[in-house]
Every structure is written in structure tokens, then in C-alpha cells.
Amino acid sequence: MSEDALVTFRTRVPRDWVDYNGHLNVGYYMIAFDKATDGLADHLGIGAAYLEATGSSFYVVEAHLTFEREVLEDAPIRVETLLIAADDKRIHLCHRMHAEDGGFLAATAELLLLHVDLASRRAAPFRPEPARAIAALVERHRALPRPPQLGRAVGLARKR
């Protein structure tokens, strides 16, 4: 784990997240990444309390998952989050799920979040305090290596 990594979620893979192949089911990877997104939101001050106070929240408007290695029942996992970029209404991030035992990368989720005023259901700029927290974290993460999974597209490689 990098010294600058932001750990946004930790758990042990529960039995009900495991499929008939004996490993973490594809849908539950997204649940783990969603919980990591909530952890990031709390860290940045845009979690549930922010919604209550401001009537604003964020939506995930794009997601791309990659699966690197399988994770089995009861395996301890952690999700580290890297902020790639942000502007006044959006956050581009990458979650990386690691197996705590063995330390290998299990999966990634590249997400684009959009800040939304829930009264109008329209995109709106972040409030000043979370905007500063977001900018500071983007700056802190700027020097960290970019995961090779960023920006991938889904498709079959051409045979030569």
C-alpha cells in the first residue's frame, strides 16, 4: 500500500457475496466499490451529512470495471482510491481493490461522479469547502502513478 493511498473501504468477503464459482460475484465487486465511493464522499465532506445540509449529492455517471484476480469467500480486501481529476461539478477517480492476504490487485473501478442539486435534479457546482478538499486531494494524488487500467475500452483485440 502506498503511503499516499487513501483507503476508502475494508471488509472480509461475506458468504452472500460469493457465487457458484466460489468467488466474489461480479455484482458485489460493484457494491464494494460503491461502499468505497461512500467512504471517499465522507472523507471529502460530501457524504450523507452533506446531502442533509445542502440538498446536494453526487451521481455515478460512468463506470468501468476490470477484474484482475479472483477473490474468495472470507478474504480480507481493501479499496484504495486515487483521484485522477476534478472540475467544479465532476470527479474522475480510480478505485483499486487489493487482497489484504497476498497483496495482489483484484479489480479496479474507474468512475466519473457528477455533483447534483437534488431539488432540480441538475448538475451543480460543488460548495466551496468540499471543492477545496477535492482540489487538495487531486493535487496530493497528482504525483502518484496512474493505473494502467485507466481509459480502457471494452472490445476484442484484432487478430493479426
N, C-alpha and C. Protein backbone atom coordinates (compact mmCIF):
# COMPACT_ATOMS: atom_id res chain seq x y z
N MET A 1 0.85 -1.18 0.00
CA MET A 1 0.00 0.00 0.00
C MET A 1 0.89 1.24 0.00
N SER A 2 0.56 2.16 -0.86
CA SER A 2 1.31 3.41 -0.96
C SER A 2 1.04 4.27 0.27
N GLU A 3 2.05 5.03 0.67
CA GLU A 3 1.91 5.94 1.80
C GLU A 3 0.81 6.97 1.55
N ASP A 4 0.63 7.36 0.29
CA ASP A 4 -0.36 8.37 -0.07
C ASP A 4 -1.72 7.78 -0.45
N ALA A 5 -1.83 6.46 -0.43
CA ALA A 5 -3.09 5.83 -0.81
C ALA A 5 -4.17 6.19 0.20
N LEU A 6 -5.35 6.44 -0.30
CA LEU A 6 -6.50 6.73 0.54
C LEU A 6 -7.34 5.46 0.60
N VAL A 7 -7.35 4.79 1.74
CA VAL A 7 -8.15 3.58 1.91
C VAL A 7 -9.56 4.01 2.22
N THR A 8 -10.50 3.64 1.36
CA THR A 8 -11.88 4.09 1.49
C THR A 8 -12.85 2.99 1.90
N PHE A 9 -12.40 1.73 1.90
CA PHE A 9 -13.27 0.63 2.31
C PHE A 9 -12.43 -0.59 2.62
N ARG A 10 -12.83 -1.30 3.68
CA ARG A 10 -12.22 -2.58 4.05
C ARG A 10 -13.32 -3.52 4.49
N THR A 11 -13.17 -4.80 4.15
CA THR A 11 -14.10 -5.82 4.63
C THR A 11 -13.49 -7.20 4.40
N ARG A 12 -14.18 -8.21 4.88
CA ARG A 12 -13.90 -9.59 4.52
C ARG A 12 -15.05 -10.00 3.61
N VAL A 13 -14.77 -10.73 2.55
CA VAL A 13 -15.80 -11.11 1.59
C VAL A 13 -16.85 -11.99 2.28
N PRO A 14 -18.08 -11.49 2.41
CA PRO A 14 -19.14 -12.27 3.06
C PRO A 14 -19.62 -13.43 2.20
N ARG A 15 -20.13 -14.46 2.83
CA ARG A 15 -20.64 -15.64 2.12
C ARG A 15 -21.67 -15.26 1.06
N ASP A 16 -22.57 -14.33 1.39
CA ASP A 16 -23.63 -13.99 0.43
C ASP A 16 -23.14 -13.15 -0.75
N TRP A 17 -21.86 -12.79 -0.79
CA TRP A 17 -21.28 -12.10 -1.95
C TRP A 17 -20.60 -13.09 -2.90
N VAL A 18 -20.58 -14.37 -2.54
CA VAL A 18 -19.87 -15.39 -3.31
C VAL A 18 -20.85 -16.13 -4.21
N ASP A 19 -20.44 -16.39 -5.45
CA ASP A 19 -21.33 -17.07 -6.41
C ASP A 19 -21.02 -18.57 -6.50
N TYR A 20 -21.66 -19.24 -7.44
CA TYR A 20 -21.48 -20.69 -7.59
C TYR A 20 -20.10 -21.08 -8.09
N ASN A 21 -19.30 -20.12 -8.52
CA ASN A 21 -17.91 -20.40 -8.89
C ASN A 21 -16.98 -20.36 -7.67
N GLY A 22 -17.54 -20.00 -6.51
CA GLY A 22 -16.77 -19.98 -5.28
C GLY A 22 -15.95 -18.72 -5.07
N HIS A 23 -16.25 -17.67 -5.85
CA HIS A 23 -15.51 -16.41 -5.69
C HIS A 23 -16.47 -15.23 -5.67
N LEU A 24 -15.92 -14.07 -5.36
CA LEU A 24 -16.71 -12.85 -5.29
C LEU A 24 -17.47 -12.66 -6.61
N ASN A 25 -18.78 -12.51 -6.50
CA ASN A 25 -19.64 -12.33 -7.67
C ASN A 25 -19.44 -10.95 -8.27
N VAL A 26 -19.56 -10.86 -9.57
CA VAL A 26 -19.29 -9.62 -10.29
C VAL A 26 -20.09 -8.44 -9.73
N GLY A 27 -21.35 -8.64 -9.40
CA GLY A 27 -22.18 -7.55 -8.87
C GLY A 27 -21.68 -7.03 -7.54
N TYR A 28 -21.09 -7.90 -6.74
CA TYR A 28 -20.62 -7.49 -5.42
C TYR A 28 -19.30 -6.75 -5.48
N TYR A 29 -18.56 -6.90 -6.56
CA TYR A 29 -17.40 -6.03 -6.75
C TYR A 29 -17.90 -4.58 -6.79
N MET A 30 -18.99 -4.36 -7.55
CA MET A 30 -19.52 -3.00 -7.66
C MET A 30 -20.06 -2.52 -6.33
N ILE A 31 -20.64 -3.41 -5.53
CA ILE A 31 -21.11 -3.00 -4.19
C ILE A 31 -19.91 -2.56 -3.34
N ALA A 32 -18.82 -3.33 -3.38
CA ALA A 32 -17.63 -2.93 -2.63
C ALA A 32 -17.11 -1.58 -3.12
N PHE A 33 -17.08 -1.38 -4.44
CA PHE A 33 -16.62 -0.10 -4.97
C PHE A 33 -17.59 1.03 -4.61
N ASP A 34 -18.89 0.73 -4.56
CA ASP A 34 -19.87 1.73 -4.15
C ASP A 34 -19.64 2.14 -2.70
N LYS A 35 -19.35 1.17 -1.84
CA LYS A 35 -19.06 1.48 -0.44
C LYS A 35 -17.77 2.31 -0.34
N ALA A 36 -16.81 2.04 -1.21
CA ALA A 36 -15.58 2.85 -1.25
C ALA A 36 -15.89 4.27 -1.71
N THR A 37 -16.81 4.42 -2.64
CA THR A 37 -17.22 5.75 -3.09
C THR A 37 -17.86 6.51 -1.94
N ASP A 38 -18.67 5.82 -1.14
CA ASP A 38 -19.25 6.45 0.06
C ASP A 38 -18.15 6.84 1.04
N GLY A 39 -17.14 6.00 1.20
CA GLY A 39 -16.01 6.34 2.07
C GLY A 39 -15.27 7.57 1.57
N LEU A 40 -15.09 7.66 0.26
CA LEU A 40 -14.47 8.85 -0.32
C LEU A 40 -15.33 10.08 -0.07
N ALA A 41 -16.64 9.94 -0.28
CA ALA A 41 -17.56 11.07 -0.07
C ALA A 41 -17.46 11.58 1.37
N ASP A 42 -17.44 10.66 2.32
CA ASP A 42 -17.31 11.07 3.72
C ASP A 42 -15.98 11.79 3.95
N HIS A 43 -14.91 11.26 3.37
CA HIS A 43 -13.58 11.87 3.51
C HIS A 43 -13.57 13.31 2.97
N LEU A 44 -14.29 13.53 1.86
CA LEU A 44 -14.30 14.84 1.21
C LEU A 44 -15.37 15.78 1.75
N GLY A 45 -16.21 15.27 2.66
CA GLY A 45 -17.28 16.10 3.21
C GLY A 45 -18.49 16.22 2.32
N ILE A 46 -18.71 15.23 1.43
CA ILE A 46 -19.89 15.25 0.55
C ILE A 46 -20.72 13.97 0.72
N GLY A 47 -20.71 13.42 1.92
CA GLY A 47 -21.47 12.21 2.22
C GLY A 47 -22.89 12.53 2.65
N ALA A 48 -23.47 11.65 3.45
CA ALA A 48 -24.87 11.75 3.87
C ALA A 48 -25.15 13.06 4.62
N ALA A 49 -24.25 13.49 5.48
CA ALA A 49 -24.47 14.74 6.22
C ALA A 49 -24.53 15.94 5.27
N TYR A 50 -23.71 15.91 4.23
CA TYR A 50 -23.71 16.98 3.22
C TYR A 50 -25.06 17.02 2.50
N LEU A 51 -25.57 15.85 2.14
CA LEU A 51 -26.88 15.77 1.49
C LEU A 51 -27.94 16.39 2.39
N GLU A 52 -27.95 16.01 3.65
CA GLU A 52 -28.92 16.54 4.61
C GLU A 52 -28.81 18.07 4.72
N ALA A 53 -27.59 18.59 4.77
CA ALA A 53 -27.38 20.02 4.98
C ALA A 53 -27.61 20.87 3.73
N THR A 54 -27.34 20.29 2.54
CA THR A 54 -27.34 21.11 1.32
C THR A 54 -28.38 20.71 0.28
N GLY A 55 -28.90 19.49 0.38
CA GLY A 55 -29.81 19.02 -0.66
C GLY A 55 -29.07 18.64 -1.94
N SER A 56 -27.76 18.50 -1.84
CA SER A 56 -26.94 18.12 -2.99
C SER A 56 -26.23 16.81 -2.70
N SER A 57 -25.94 16.10 -3.76
CA SER A 57 -25.25 14.82 -3.66
C SER A 57 -24.45 14.63 -4.94
N PHE A 58 -24.11 13.39 -5.24
CA PHE A 58 -23.42 13.11 -6.49
C PHE A 58 -23.97 11.82 -7.07
N TYR A 59 -23.90 11.71 -8.36
CA TYR A 59 -24.30 10.50 -9.08
C TYR A 59 -23.07 9.93 -9.77
N VAL A 60 -23.00 8.62 -9.86
CA VAL A 60 -22.01 7.98 -10.73
C VAL A 60 -22.62 8.00 -12.12
N VAL A 61 -21.95 8.65 -13.07
CA VAL A 61 -22.49 8.77 -14.43
C VAL A 61 -21.75 7.88 -15.44
N GLU A 62 -20.61 7.32 -15.01
CA GLU A 62 -19.91 6.38 -15.87
C GLU A 62 -19.04 5.50 -15.00
N ALA A 63 -18.95 4.22 -15.38
CA ALA A 63 -18.15 3.27 -14.61
C ALA A 63 -17.52 2.26 -15.55
N HIS A 64 -16.29 1.88 -15.22
CA HIS A 64 -15.59 0.84 -15.99
C HIS A 64 -14.86 -0.04 -14.98
N LEU A 65 -15.20 -1.33 -14.97
CA LEU A 65 -14.57 -2.28 -14.05
C LEU A 65 -13.59 -3.17 -14.80
N THR A 66 -12.50 -3.51 -14.12
CA THR A 66 -11.61 -4.55 -14.63
C THR A 66 -11.43 -5.57 -13.52
N PHE A 67 -11.30 -6.81 -13.90
CA PHE A 67 -11.13 -7.91 -12.95
C PHE A 67 -9.77 -8.53 -13.21
N GLU A 68 -8.90 -8.45 -12.22
CA GLU A 68 -7.52 -8.90 -12.39
C GLU A 68 -7.29 -10.31 -11.84
N ARG A 69 -7.76 -10.56 -10.61
CA ARG A 69 -7.62 -11.87 -9.98
C ARG A 69 -8.82 -12.11 -9.10
N GLU A 70 -9.21 -13.38 -8.98
CA GLU A 70 -10.40 -13.69 -8.19
C GLU A 70 -10.13 -13.54 -6.69
N VAL A 71 -11.21 -13.27 -5.97
CA VAL A 71 -11.18 -13.13 -4.51
C VAL A 71 -12.17 -14.14 -3.96
N LEU A 72 -11.75 -14.90 -2.96
CA LEU A 72 -12.56 -15.98 -2.41
C LEU A 72 -13.29 -15.54 -1.14
N GLU A 73 -14.24 -16.36 -0.73
CA GLU A 73 -15.01 -16.11 0.49
C GLU A 73 -14.09 -15.88 1.69
N ASP A 74 -14.46 -14.90 2.49
CA ASP A 74 -13.79 -14.53 3.73
C ASP A 74 -12.42 -13.86 3.53
N ALA A 75 -12.04 -13.64 2.28
CA ALA A 75 -10.77 -12.96 2.03
C ALA A 75 -10.88 -11.51 2.49
N PRO A 76 -9.87 -11.03 3.22
CA PRO A 76 -9.88 -9.61 3.58
C PRO A 76 -9.47 -8.76 2.37
N ILE A 77 -10.27 -7.75 2.09
CA ILE A 77 -9.99 -6.86 0.96
C ILE A 77 -9.99 -5.42 1.44
N ARG A 78 -9.26 -4.59 0.69
CA ARG A 78 -9.29 -3.15 0.93
C ARG A 78 -9.40 -2.46 -0.42
N VAL A 79 -10.04 -1.31 -0.42
CA VAL A 79 -10.13 -0.50 -1.62
C VAL A 79 -9.39 0.80 -1.36
N GLU A 80 -8.45 1.09 -2.25
CA GLU A 80 -7.71 2.35 -2.23
C GLU A 80 -8.24 3.21 -3.36
N THR A 81 -8.36 4.50 -3.11
CA THR A 81 -8.95 5.41 -4.09
C THR A 81 -7.93 6.46 -4.49
N LEU A 82 -7.87 6.70 -5.78
CA LEU A 82 -6.98 7.69 -6.37
C LEU A 82 -7.84 8.69 -7.14
N LEU A 83 -7.75 9.97 -6.80
CA LEU A 83 -8.44 10.99 -7.56
C LEU A 83 -7.57 11.36 -8.75
N ILE A 84 -8.13 11.23 -9.93
CA ILE A 84 -7.40 11.49 -11.17
C ILE A 84 -7.52 12.95 -11.56
N ALA A 85 -8.76 13.48 -11.51
CA ALA A 85 -9.01 14.87 -11.91
C ALA A 85 -10.36 15.30 -11.35
N ALA A 86 -10.58 16.60 -11.35
CA ALA A 86 -11.88 17.14 -10.91
C ALA A 86 -12.05 18.52 -11.52
N ASP A 87 -13.30 18.92 -11.66
CA ASP A 87 -13.60 20.30 -12.02
C ASP A 87 -14.70 20.77 -11.07
N ASP A 88 -15.41 21.82 -11.40
CA ASP A 88 -16.37 22.38 -10.45
C ASP A 88 -17.59 21.49 -10.20
N LYS A 89 -17.84 20.48 -11.07
CA LYS A 89 -19.01 19.61 -10.92
C LYS A 89 -18.70 18.12 -10.98
N ARG A 90 -17.48 17.75 -11.36
CA ARG A 90 -17.19 16.33 -11.61
C ARG A 90 -15.92 15.88 -10.91
N ILE A 91 -15.89 14.58 -10.61
CA ILE A 91 -14.70 13.92 -10.07
C ILE A 91 -14.43 12.68 -10.89
N HIS A 92 -13.21 12.52 -11.35
CA HIS A 92 -12.76 11.32 -12.06
C HIS A 92 -11.85 10.58 -11.09
N LEU A 93 -12.17 9.32 -10.81
CA LEU A 93 -11.41 8.57 -9.81
C LEU A 93 -11.16 7.14 -10.25
N CYS A 94 -10.24 6.51 -9.56
CA CYS A 94 -9.97 5.09 -9.76
C CYS A 94 -9.90 4.42 -8.40
N HIS A 95 -10.76 3.40 -8.21
CA HIS A 95 -10.69 2.54 -7.04
C HIS A 95 -9.86 1.32 -7.42
N ARG A 96 -9.02 0.86 -6.49
CA ARG A 96 -8.26 -0.37 -6.69
C ARG A 96 -8.52 -1.29 -5.51
N MET A 97 -9.05 -2.47 -5.80
CA MET A 97 -9.32 -3.47 -4.76
C MET A 97 -8.12 -4.39 -4.64
N HIS A 98 -7.61 -4.48 -3.42
CA HIS A 98 -6.46 -5.35 -3.14
C HIS A 98 -6.86 -6.43 -2.16
N ALA A 99 -6.29 -7.62 -2.34
CA ALA A 99 -6.42 -8.67 -1.35
C ALA A 99 -5.43 -8.35 -0.25
N GLU A 100 -5.91 -8.29 1.00
CA GLU A 100 -5.01 -7.99 2.12
C GLU A 100 -4.01 -9.13 2.31
N ASP A 101 -4.47 -10.38 2.13
CA ASP A 101 -3.57 -11.54 2.18
C ASP A 101 -3.02 -11.74 0.78
N GLY A 102 -1.76 -11.64 0.61
CA GLY A 102 -1.16 -11.81 -0.71
C GLY A 102 -0.87 -10.48 -1.39
N GLY A 103 -1.60 -9.44 -1.01
CA GLY A 103 -1.34 -8.10 -1.51
C GLY A 103 -1.59 -7.86 -2.98
N PHE A 104 -2.24 -8.79 -3.67
CA PHE A 104 -2.41 -8.61 -5.11
C PHE A 104 -3.59 -7.71 -5.44
N LEU A 105 -3.52 -7.11 -6.63
CA LEU A 105 -4.62 -6.31 -7.16
C LEU A 105 -5.69 -7.27 -7.66
N ALA A 106 -6.91 -7.11 -7.16
CA ALA A 106 -8.02 -7.99 -7.55
C ALA A 106 -8.88 -7.36 -8.64
N ALA A 107 -9.13 -6.05 -8.55
CA ALA A 107 -10.03 -5.40 -9.50
C ALA A 107 -9.84 -3.89 -9.42
N THR A 108 -10.32 -3.21 -10.46
CA THR A 108 -10.33 -1.75 -10.46
C THR A 108 -11.70 -1.25 -10.90
N ALA A 109 -12.02 -0.04 -10.50
CA ALA A 109 -13.23 0.64 -10.97
C ALA A 109 -12.85 2.08 -11.27
N GLU A 110 -13.02 2.47 -12.51
CA GLU A 110 -12.80 3.85 -12.92
C GLU A 110 -14.18 4.50 -12.98
N LEU A 111 -14.37 5.58 -12.25
CA LEU A 111 -15.69 6.20 -12.15
C LEU A 111 -15.62 7.69 -12.46
N LEU A 112 -16.74 8.19 -12.99
CA LEU A 112 -16.94 9.62 -13.15
C LEU A 112 -18.17 9.98 -12.32
N LEU A 113 -17.97 10.89 -11.35
CA LEU A 113 -19.05 11.33 -10.47
C LEU A 113 -19.49 12.72 -10.90
N LEU A 114 -20.79 12.98 -10.78
CA LEU A 114 -21.36 14.28 -11.12
C LEU A 114 -22.08 14.83 -9.89
N HIS A 115 -21.75 16.06 -9.49
CA HIS A 115 -22.40 16.71 -8.36
C HIS A 115 -23.78 17.22 -8.82
N VAL A 116 -24.81 16.94 -8.02
CA VAL A 116 -26.19 17.21 -8.43
C VAL A 116 -26.96 17.92 -7.32
N ASP A 117 -27.71 18.95 -7.70
CA ASP A 117 -28.69 19.58 -6.82
C ASP A 117 -29.94 18.72 -6.91
N LEU A 118 -30.30 18.06 -5.80
CA LEU A 118 -31.41 17.11 -5.86
C LEU A 118 -32.77 17.78 -6.01
N ALA A 119 -32.91 19.06 -5.69
CA ALA A 119 -34.17 19.77 -5.89
C ALA A 119 -34.45 19.92 -7.38
N SER A 120 -33.43 20.27 -8.15
CA SER A 120 -33.61 20.47 -9.60
C SER A 120 -33.25 19.24 -10.41
N ARG A 121 -32.54 18.28 -9.76
CA ARG A 121 -32.03 17.08 -10.44
C ARG A 121 -31.10 17.46 -11.59
N ARG A 122 -30.35 18.54 -11.40
CA ARG A 122 -29.42 19.04 -12.41
C ARG A 122 -28.02 19.15 -11.81
N ALA A 123 -27.04 19.08 -12.68
CA ALA A 123 -25.65 19.25 -12.25
C ALA A 123 -25.48 20.64 -11.65
N ALA A 124 -24.66 20.70 -10.59
CA ALA A 124 -24.41 21.97 -9.90
C ALA A 124 -22.98 21.97 -9.38
N PRO A 125 -22.38 23.15 -9.27
CA PRO A 125 -21.02 23.21 -8.73
C PRO A 125 -20.96 22.74 -7.28
N PHE A 126 -19.82 22.16 -6.90
CA PHE A 126 -19.58 21.81 -5.51
C PHE A 126 -19.58 23.08 -4.67
N ARG A 127 -19.96 22.97 -3.42
CA ARG A 127 -19.85 24.07 -2.48
C ARG A 127 -18.36 24.34 -2.25
N PRO A 128 -18.00 25.53 -1.78
CA PRO A 128 -16.58 25.90 -1.64
C PRO A 128 -15.75 24.95 -0.76
N GLU A 129 -16.25 24.57 0.40
CA GLU A 129 -15.44 23.74 1.29
C GLU A 129 -15.11 22.38 0.67
N PRO A 130 -16.11 21.61 0.17
CA PRO A 130 -15.73 20.35 -0.47
C PRO A 130 -14.92 20.56 -1.74
N ALA A 131 -15.15 21.64 -2.46
CA ALA A 131 -14.36 21.92 -3.67
C ALA A 131 -12.88 22.04 -3.31
N ARG A 132 -12.59 22.71 -2.19
CA ARG A 132 -11.19 22.83 -1.74
C ARG A 132 -10.62 21.47 -1.35
N ALA A 133 -11.42 20.65 -0.65
CA ALA A 133 -10.95 19.32 -0.24
C ALA A 133 -10.68 18.44 -1.45
N ILE A 134 -11.54 18.52 -2.44
CA ILE A 134 -11.38 17.74 -3.67
C ILE A 134 -10.10 18.18 -4.39
N ALA A 135 -9.94 19.49 -4.56
CA ALA A 135 -8.74 20.01 -5.26
C ALA A 135 -7.47 19.61 -4.52
N ALA A 136 -7.50 19.64 -3.20
CA ALA A 136 -6.30 19.28 -2.42
C ALA A 136 -5.96 17.81 -2.61
N LEU A 137 -6.98 16.95 -2.65
CA LEU A 137 -6.71 15.52 -2.83
C LEU A 137 -6.24 15.22 -4.25
N VAL A 138 -6.82 15.89 -5.24
CA VAL A 138 -6.34 15.73 -6.61
C VAL A 138 -4.87 16.12 -6.68
N GLU A 139 -4.52 17.22 -6.05
CA GLU A 139 -3.12 17.68 -6.06
C GLU A 139 -2.22 16.67 -5.35
N ARG A 140 -2.65 16.17 -4.21
CA ARG A 140 -1.86 15.17 -3.47
C ARG A 140 -1.65 13.91 -4.31
N HIS A 141 -2.65 13.52 -5.08
CA HIS A 141 -2.58 12.29 -5.88
C HIS A 141 -1.91 12.51 -7.24
N ARG A 142 -1.68 13.75 -7.62
CA ARG A 142 -1.12 14.05 -8.95
C ARG A 142 0.20 13.33 -9.21
N ALA A 143 1.04 13.21 -8.21
CA ALA A 143 2.37 12.61 -8.38
C ALA A 143 2.36 11.09 -8.33
N LEU A 144 1.21 10.50 -7.95
CA LEU A 144 1.15 9.04 -7.84
C LEU A 144 1.05 8.41 -9.23
N PRO A 145 1.59 7.20 -9.39
CA PRO A 145 1.49 6.53 -10.70
C PRO A 145 0.04 6.27 -11.08
N ARG A 146 -0.24 6.40 -12.36
CA ARG A 146 -1.58 6.15 -12.89
C ARG A 146 -1.74 4.66 -13.19
N PRO A 147 -2.83 4.06 -12.72
CA PRO A 147 -3.04 2.63 -13.00
C PRO A 147 -3.17 2.40 -14.51
N PRO A 148 -2.60 1.31 -15.02
CA PRO A 148 -2.68 1.05 -16.46
C PRO A 148 -4.11 0.75 -16.93
N GLN A 149 -5.02 0.46 -16.01
CA GLN A 149 -6.41 0.16 -16.37
C GLN A 149 -7.20 1.41 -16.76
N LEU A 150 -6.68 2.59 -16.46
CA LEU A 150 -7.41 3.83 -16.77
C LEU A 150 -7.61 3.98 -18.27
N GLY A 151 -8.81 4.42 -18.63
CA GLY A 151 -9.10 4.74 -20.02
C GLY A 151 -9.27 3.57 -20.95
N ARG A 152 -9.34 2.38 -20.43
CA ARG A 152 -9.53 1.21 -21.29
C ARG A 152 -10.91 1.22 -21.93
N ALA A 153 -11.00 0.58 -23.07
CA ALA A 153 -12.28 0.38 -23.74
C ALA A 153 -12.56 -1.11 -23.80
N VAL A 154 -13.82 -1.45 -23.85
CA VAL A 154 -14.22 -2.85 -23.96
C VAL A 154 -14.24 -3.24 -25.43
N GLY A 155 -13.68 -4.39 -25.77
CA GLY A 155 -13.69 -4.87 -27.14
C GLY A 155 -12.76 -6.04 -27.33
N LEU A 156 -12.86 -6.66 -28.46
CA LEU A 156 -11.97 -7.77 -28.80
C LEU A 156 -10.79 -7.22 -29.59
N ALA A 157 -9.62 -7.68 -29.25
CA ALA A 157 -8.43 -7.29 -29.99
C ALA A 157 -8.47 -7.91 -31.38
N ARG A 158 -8.01 -7.18 -32.36
CA ARG A 158 -7.95 -7.72 -33.72
C ARG A 158 -6.90 -8.80 -33.81
N LYS A 159 -7.24 -9.89 -34.47
CA LYS A 159 -6.26 -10.94 -34.73
C LYS A 159 -5.43 -10.54 -35.93
N ARG A 160 -4.15 -10.87 -35.85
CA ARG A 160 -3.26 -10.49 -36.97
C ARG A 160 -3.04 -11.66 -37.88
